[in-house]
Amino acid sequence: MYEPTPAAPTRWELLFADLEAQAAAQDAAEADALVAELTRAEHATMTLAERFRAALGAEVVLDLAAGEPVRGTVLEAAAEWVLLRGIAPSGPLQHLVPLSAVSGVSGLGRQAAPQQRREGLGLGPALRGLQRDRARLLVRTLAGAVEGRVGRVGRDHFDVDVVRGDGAAPRSSWPGARTVPFAALLCVSEAP
């Protein structure tokens, strides 16, 4: 049986094949540039809170604006704060850290998760929850640390009822109360 040999491509066929290859390469380069630009635009809208939300369950180290780092597993994140489960010799502790007090983070992934229902939960409502719980806390500020319970929570500050030697907390009107502006707050941790 006779099989015809394929004819060699003509000069025009080679020319048009080359033009198609150039057009495909240009389309691919434009698509890559568009993807890169869209990625940069998406990253430009990403917040630190969204990065923390995408890192739920991840172990991170937070460098605070002034003070020692806080290590722990990301439990929750809102627009103004992140909640970590840390480890201490006596057992796990939780740390509420205002995002404004964070000067750096190690262990945070590159992804972001969109806002959720807790997005509107600011620092004030979180501190009011601790106030209702009457938990004994270690409050770290730019000026130092104080142990006590959350007494009153205002719009941009809160009172810490400093714990007396017998473990009882005085009322906010007593000399043992300390007012902390949110801007000076570094971390609120469960007292060991």
C-alpha atoms as a PDB file:
ATOM      1  CA  MET A   1       0.000   0.000   0.000  1.00  0.00           C
ATOM      2  CA  TYR A   2       1.249   3.407  -0.916  1.00  0.00           C
ATOM      3  CA  GLU A   3       1.484   6.152   1.724  1.00  0.00           C
ATOM      4  CA  PRO A   4       2.099   9.650   0.545  1.00  0.00           C
ATOM      5  CA  THR A   5       4.924  11.458   2.221  1.00  0.00           C
ATOM      6  CA  PRO A   6       3.830  14.538   4.020  1.00  0.00           C
ATOM      7  CA  ALA A   7       4.645  17.682   2.181  1.00  0.00           C
ATOM      8  CA  ALA A   8       7.031  20.042   3.814  1.00  0.00           C
ATOM      9  CA  PRO A   9       5.360  23.145   5.200  1.00  0.00           C
ATOM     10  CA  THR A  10       5.341  25.994   2.813  1.00  0.00           C
ATOM     11  CA  ARG A  11       7.012  29.247   3.535  1.00  0.00           C
ATOM     12  CA  TRP A  12       3.672  30.914   4.233  1.00  0.00           C
ATOM     13  CA  GLU A  13       2.593  28.150   6.621  1.00  0.00           C
ATOM     14  CA  LEU A  14       5.827  28.659   8.576  1.00  0.00           C
ATOM     15  CA  LEU A  15       5.272  32.409   8.583  1.00  0.00           C
ATOM     16  CA  PHE A  16       1.701  32.105   9.919  1.00  0.00           C
ATOM     17  CA  ALA A  17       2.746  29.481  12.489  1.00  0.00           C
ATOM     18  CA  ASP A  18       5.448  31.863  13.722  1.00  0.00           C
ATOM     19  CA  LEU A  19       2.935  34.738  13.918  1.00  0.00           C
ATOM     20  CA  GLU A  20       0.517  32.530  15.901  1.00  0.00           C
ATOM     21  CA  ALA A  21       3.303  31.521  18.293  1.00  0.00           C
ATOM     22  CA  GLN A  22       4.258  35.193  18.808  1.00  0.00           C
ATOM     23  CA  ALA A  23       0.617  36.122  19.451  1.00  0.00           C
ATOM     24  CA  ALA A  24       0.222  33.243  21.947  1.00  0.00           C
ATOM     25  CA  ALA A  25       3.401  34.296  23.755  1.00  0.00           C
ATOM     26  CA  GLN A  26       2.188  37.906  23.915  1.00  0.00           C
ATOM     27  CA  ASP A  27      -1.223  36.773  25.221  1.00  0.00           C
ATOM     28  CA  ALA A  28       0.491  34.650  27.901  1.00  0.00           C
ATOM     29  CA  ALA A  29       2.729  37.573  28.932  1.00  0.00           C
ATOM     30  CA  GLU A  30      -0.281  39.916  29.158  1.00  0.00           C
ATOM     31  CA  ALA A  31      -2.205  37.347  31.196  1.00  0.00           C
ATOM     32  CA  ASP A  32       0.763  36.930  33.573  1.00  0.00           C
ATOM     33  CA  ALA A  33       1.035  40.703  33.963  1.00  0.00           C
ATOM     34  CA  LEU A  34      -2.712  40.972  34.619  1.00  0.00           C
ATOM     35  CA  VAL A  35      -2.587  38.210  37.245  1.00  0.00           C
ATOM     36  CA  ALA A  36       0.381  39.907  38.928  1.00  0.00           C
ATOM     37  CA  GLU A  37      -1.414  43.275  38.938  1.00  0.00           C
ATOM     38  CA  LEU A  38      -4.632  41.750  40.316  1.00  0.00           C
ATOM     39  CA  THR A  39      -2.630  39.955  43.001  1.00  0.00           C
ATOM     40  CA  ARG A  40      -0.933  43.215  44.023  1.00  0.00           C
ATOM     41  CA  ALA A  41      -4.301  44.987  44.078  1.00  0.00           C
ATOM     42  CA  GLU A  42      -5.808  42.246  46.242  1.00  0.00           C
ATOM     43  CA  HIS A  43      -2.866  42.353  48.660  1.00  0.00           C
ATOM     44  CA  ALA A  44      -3.248  46.127  48.921  1.00  0.00           C
ATOM     45  CA  THR A  45      -6.736  45.685  50.411  1.00  0.00           C
ATOM     46  CA  MET A  46      -5.714  42.950  52.875  1.00  0.00           C
ATOM     47  CA  THR A  47      -5.757  43.820  56.590  1.00  0.00           C
ATOM     48  CA  LEU A  48      -3.697  42.317  59.376  1.00  0.00           C
ATOM     49  CA  ALA A  49      -6.918  41.069  60.997  1.00  0.00           C
ATOM     50  CA  GLU A  50      -7.777  39.167  57.798  1.00  0.00           C
ATOM     51  CA  ARG A  51      -4.324  37.590  57.815  1.00  0.00           C
ATOM     52  CA  PHE A  52      -4.845  36.475  61.424  1.00  0.00           C
ATOM     53  CA  ARG A  53      -8.295  35.077  60.556  1.00  0.00           C
ATOM     54  CA  ALA A  54      -6.711  32.952  57.830  1.00  0.00           C
ATOM     55  CA  ALA A  55      -4.161  31.717  60.387  1.00  0.00           C
ATOM     56  CA  LEU A  56      -6.625  30.287  62.947  1.00  0.00           C
ATOM     57  CA  GLY A  57      -4.901  27.364  64.631  1.00  0.00           C
ATOM     58  CA  ALA A  58      -1.417  28.510  63.579  1.00  0.00           C
ATOM     59  CA  GLU A  59       1.353  29.116  66.089  1.00  0.00           C
ATOM     60  CA  VAL A  60       2.655  32.679  65.940  1.00  0.00           C
ATOM     61  CA  VAL A  61       4.992  34.987  67.828  1.00  0.00           C
ATOM     62  CA  LEU A  62       3.839  38.582  68.269  1.00  0.00           C
ATOM     63  CA  ASP A  63       6.444  41.257  68.864  1.00  0.00           C
ATOM     64  CA  LEU A  64       4.793  43.914  70.984  1.00  0.00           C
ATOM     65  CA  ALA A  65       5.473  47.630  70.584  1.00  0.00           C
ATOM     66  CA  ALA A  66       7.278  47.638  73.939  1.00  0.00           C
ATOM     67  CA  GLY A  67       7.806  44.491  75.914  1.00  0.00           C
ATOM     68  CA  GLU A  68       8.504  40.821  75.519  1.00  0.00           C
ATOM     69  CA  PRO A  69       7.002  38.775  72.692  1.00  0.00           C
ATOM     70  CA  VAL A  70       3.772  36.824  73.063  1.00  0.00           C
ATOM     71  CA  ARG A  71       3.711  33.259  71.694  1.00  0.00           C
ATOM     72  CA  GLY A  72       0.628  31.206  71.065  1.00  0.00           C
ATOM     73  CA  THR A  73      -1.939  29.650  68.783  1.00  0.00           C
ATOM     74  CA  VAL A  74      -4.387  31.983  67.027  1.00  0.00           C
ATOM     75  CA  LEU A  75      -7.882  31.327  68.440  1.00  0.00           C
ATOM     76  CA  GLU A  76      -9.838  34.341  67.141  1.00  0.00           C
ATOM     77  CA  ALA A  77      -9.258  37.625  65.383  1.00  0.00           C
ATOM     78  CA  ALA A  78     -11.344  40.772  65.037  1.00  0.00           C
ATOM     79  CA  ALA A  79     -10.683  44.133  63.432  1.00  0.00           C
ATOM     80  CA  GLU A  80      -8.909  45.475  66.539  1.00  0.00           C
ATOM     81  CA  TRP A  81      -7.501  42.434  68.353  1.00  0.00           C
ATOM     82  CA  VAL A  82      -6.247  38.867  68.184  1.00  0.00           C
ATOM     83  CA  LEU A  83      -6.764  36.159  70.809  1.00  0.00           C
ATOM     84  CA  LEU A  84      -3.978  33.625  71.359  1.00  0.00           C
ATOM     85  CA  ARG A  85      -3.748  30.470  73.428  1.00  0.00           C
ATOM     86  CA  GLY A  86      -0.280  30.569  74.938  1.00  0.00           C
ATOM     87  CA  ILE A  87       1.620  28.008  76.927  1.00  0.00           C
ATOM     88  CA  ALA A  88       2.862  28.545  80.454  1.00  0.00           C
ATOM     89  CA  PRO A  89       4.425  26.138  82.970  1.00  0.00           C
ATOM     90  CA  SER A  90       1.133  26.062  84.901  1.00  0.00           C
ATOM     91  CA  GLY A  91      -0.928  25.358  81.768  1.00  0.00           C
ATOM     92  CA  PRO A  92      -2.427  27.193  78.818  1.00  0.00           C
ATOM     93  CA  LEU A  93      -3.105  30.902  79.101  1.00  0.00           C
ATOM     94  CA  GLN A  94      -5.041  33.160  76.795  1.00  0.00           C
ATOM     95  CA  HIS A  95      -3.764  36.517  75.564  1.00  0.00           C
ATOM     96  CA  LEU A  96      -5.898  39.323  74.129  1.00  0.00           C
ATOM     97  CA  VAL A  97      -3.590  41.543  72.066  1.00  0.00           C
ATOM     98  CA  PRO A  98      -4.700  44.787  70.389  1.00  0.00           C
ATOM     99  CA  LEU A  99      -3.468  44.823  66.795  1.00  0.00           C
ATOM    100  CA  SER A 100      -2.237  48.369  67.369  1.00  0.00           C
ATOM    101  CA  ALA A 101       0.285  46.971  69.899  1.00  0.00           C
ATOM    102  CA  VAL A 102       1.791  44.483  67.425  1.00  0.00           C
ATOM    103  CA  SER A 103       5.062  45.622  65.860  1.00  0.00           C
ATOM    104  CA  GLY A 104       5.775  42.350  64.051  1.00  0.00           C
ATOM    105  CA  VAL A 105       4.524  38.782  63.604  1.00  0.00           C
ATOM    106  CA  SER A 106       6.380  35.545  62.934  1.00  0.00           C
ATOM    107  CA  GLY A 107       4.558  32.466  61.658  1.00  0.00           C
ATOM    108  CA  LEU A 108       1.722  34.279  59.902  1.00  0.00           C
ATOM    109  CA  GLY A 109       0.819  32.807  56.519  1.00  0.00           C
ATOM    110  CA  ARG A 110       0.370  34.764  53.306  1.00  0.00           C
ATOM    111  CA  GLN A 111      -3.379  34.086  53.006  1.00  0.00           C
ATOM    112  CA  ALA A 112      -6.220  36.272  54.206  1.00  0.00           C
ATOM    113  CA  ALA A 113      -9.770  35.421  55.207  1.00  0.00           C
ATOM    114  CA  PRO A 114     -12.585  37.926  54.631  1.00  0.00           C
ATOM    115  CA  GLN A 115     -14.335  39.620  57.495  1.00  0.00           C
ATOM    116  CA  GLN A 116     -16.839  37.660  59.510  1.00  0.00           C
ATOM    117  CA  ARG A 117     -19.432  38.471  62.116  1.00  0.00           C
ATOM    118  CA  ARG A 118     -16.748  39.258  64.755  1.00  0.00           C
ATOM    119  CA  GLU A 119     -15.301  42.008  62.570  1.00  0.00           C
ATOM    120  CA  GLY A 120     -17.385  44.602  64.416  1.00  0.00           C
ATOM    121  CA  LEU A 121     -16.346  43.327  67.842  1.00  0.00           C
ATOM    122  CA  GLY A 122     -13.910  45.984  69.017  1.00  0.00           C
ATOM    123  CA  LEU A 123     -11.564  46.063  71.964  1.00  0.00           C
ATOM    124  CA  GLY A 124     -14.208  47.579  74.273  1.00  0.00           C
ATOM    125  CA  PRO A 125     -16.718  44.728  73.921  1.00  0.00           C
ATOM    126  CA  ALA A 126     -13.922  42.158  74.322  1.00  0.00           C
ATOM    127  CA  LEU A 127     -12.805  43.829  77.572  1.00  0.00           C
ATOM    128  CA  ARG A 128     -16.432  44.026  78.788  1.00  0.00           C
ATOM    129  CA  GLY A 129     -16.611  40.245  78.342  1.00  0.00           C
ATOM    130  CA  LEU A 130     -13.563  39.901  80.586  1.00  0.00           C
ATOM    131  CA  GLN A 131     -15.190  42.339  83.025  1.00  0.00           C
ATOM    132  CA  ARG A 132     -18.295  40.117  83.273  1.00  0.00           C
ATOM    133  CA  ASP A 133     -16.076  37.049  83.742  1.00  0.00           C
ATOM    134  CA  ARG A 134     -14.261  38.744  86.687  1.00  0.00           C
ATOM    135  CA  ALA A 135     -11.135  36.826  85.700  1.00  0.00           C
ATOM    136  CA  ARG A 136      -7.838  37.710  87.311  1.00  0.00           C
ATOM    137  CA  LEU A 137      -5.663  39.235  84.601  1.00  0.00           C
ATOM    138  CA  LEU A 138      -2.175  40.474  83.896  1.00  0.00           C
ATOM    139  CA  VAL A 139      -2.465  43.771  81.993  1.00  0.00           C
ATOM    140  CA  ARG A 140       0.708  44.851  80.173  1.00  0.00           C
ATOM    141  CA  THR A 141       0.986  48.463  79.078  1.00  0.00           C
ATOM    142  CA  LEU A 142       3.690  50.714  77.678  1.00  0.00           C
ATOM    143  CA  ALA A 143       4.430  51.775  81.275  1.00  0.00           C
ATOM    144  CA  GLY A 144       4.607  48.291  82.830  1.00  0.00           C
ATOM    145  CA  ALA A 145       2.334  45.522  84.054  1.00  0.00           C
ATOM    146  CA  VAL A 146      -0.394  45.340  86.652  1.00  0.00           C
ATOM    147  CA  GLU A 147      -2.403  42.378  87.920  1.00  0.00           C
ATOM    148  CA  GLY A 148      -6.089  42.748  88.626  1.00  0.00           C
ATOM    149  CA  ARG A 149      -9.595  42.523  87.218  1.00  0.00           C
ATOM    150  CA  VAL A 150     -11.301  44.702  84.622  1.00  0.00           C
ATOM    151  CA  GLY A 151     -13.348  47.235  86.571  1.00  0.00           C
ATOM    152  CA  ARG A 152     -14.996  49.584  84.079  1.00  0.00           C
ATOM    153  CA  VAL A 153     -14.667  49.870  80.324  1.00  0.00           C
ATOM    154  CA  GLY A 154     -15.060  53.158  78.510  1.00  0.00           C
ATOM    155  CA  ARG A 155     -14.930  53.997  74.836  1.00  0.00           C
ATOM    156  CA  ASP A 156     -11.135  54.392  74.676  1.00  0.00           C
ATOM    157  CA  HIS A 157      -9.932  53.250  78.108  1.00  0.00           C
ATOM    158  CA  PHE A 158     -10.623  50.818  80.924  1.00  0.00           C
ATOM    159  CA  ASP A 159      -9.967  50.533  84.649  1.00  0.00           C
ATOM    160  CA  VAL A 160      -8.004  47.711  86.189  1.00  0.00           C
ATOM    161  CA  ASP A 161      -8.948  46.971  89.782  1.00  0.00           C
ATOM    162  CA  VAL A 162      -5.540  46.080  91.171  1.00  0.00           C
ATOM    163  CA  VAL A 163      -5.652  42.877  93.196  1.00  0.00           C
ATOM    164  CA  ARG A 164      -4.744  43.292  96.860  1.00  0.00           C
ATOM    165  CA  GLY A 165      -2.473  40.905  98.730  1.00  0.00           C
ATOM    166  CA  ASP A 166      -5.476  38.856  99.941  1.00  0.00           C
ATOM    167  CA  GLY A 167      -6.572  38.289  96.319  1.00  0.00           C
ATOM    168  CA  ALA A 168      -9.620  40.555  96.536  1.00  0.00           C
ATOM    169  CA  ALA A 169      -9.987  43.349  94.025  1.00  0.00           C
ATOM    170  CA  PRO A 170     -10.889  46.782  95.326  1.00  0.00           C
ATOM    171  CA  ARG A 171     -13.679  48.727  93.690  1.00  0.00           C
ATOM    172  CA  SER A 172     -12.731  51.102  90.891  1.00  0.00           C
ATOM    173  CA  SER A 173     -13.134  54.149  93.137  1.00  0.00           C
ATOM    174  CA  TRP A 174     -10.484  52.835  95.543  1.00  0.00           C
ATOM    175  CA  PRO A 175      -6.865  53.894  95.237  1.00  0.00           C
ATOM    176  CA  GLY A 176      -6.011  50.444  93.852  1.00  0.00           C
ATOM    177  CA  ALA A 177      -7.646  51.165  90.481  1.00  0.00           C
ATOM    178  CA  ARG A 178      -5.529  52.024  87.436  1.00  0.00           C
ATOM    179  CA  THR A 179      -6.950  53.577  84.255  1.00  0.00           C
ATOM    180  CA  VAL A 180      -5.415  52.296  81.026  1.00  0.00           C
ATOM    181  CA  PRO A 181      -5.964  54.066  77.683  1.00  0.00           C
ATOM    182  CA  PHE A 182      -6.473  51.584  74.830  1.00  0.00           C
ATOM    183  CA  ALA A 183      -3.575  53.290  73.022  1.00  0.00           C
ATOM    184  CA  ALA A 184      -1.171  52.222  75.810  1.00  0.00           C
ATOM    185  CA  LEU A 185      -2.397  48.626  76.066  1.00  0.00           C
ATOM    186  CA  LEU A 186      -0.024  45.886  74.911  1.00  0.00           C
ATOM    187  CA  CYS A 187      -1.661  42.671  76.112  1.00  0.00           C
ATOM    188  CA  VAL A 188      -4.267  41.301  78.513  1.00  0.00           C
ATOM    189  CA  SER A 189      -3.446  37.792  79.720  1.00  0.00           C
ATOM    190  CA  GLU A 190      -4.969  35.353  82.151  1.00  0.00           C
ATOM    191  CA  ALA A 191      -3.052  35.666  85.408  1.00  0.00           C
ATOM    192  CA  PRO A 192      -1.176  32.466  86.263  1.00  0.00           C
END
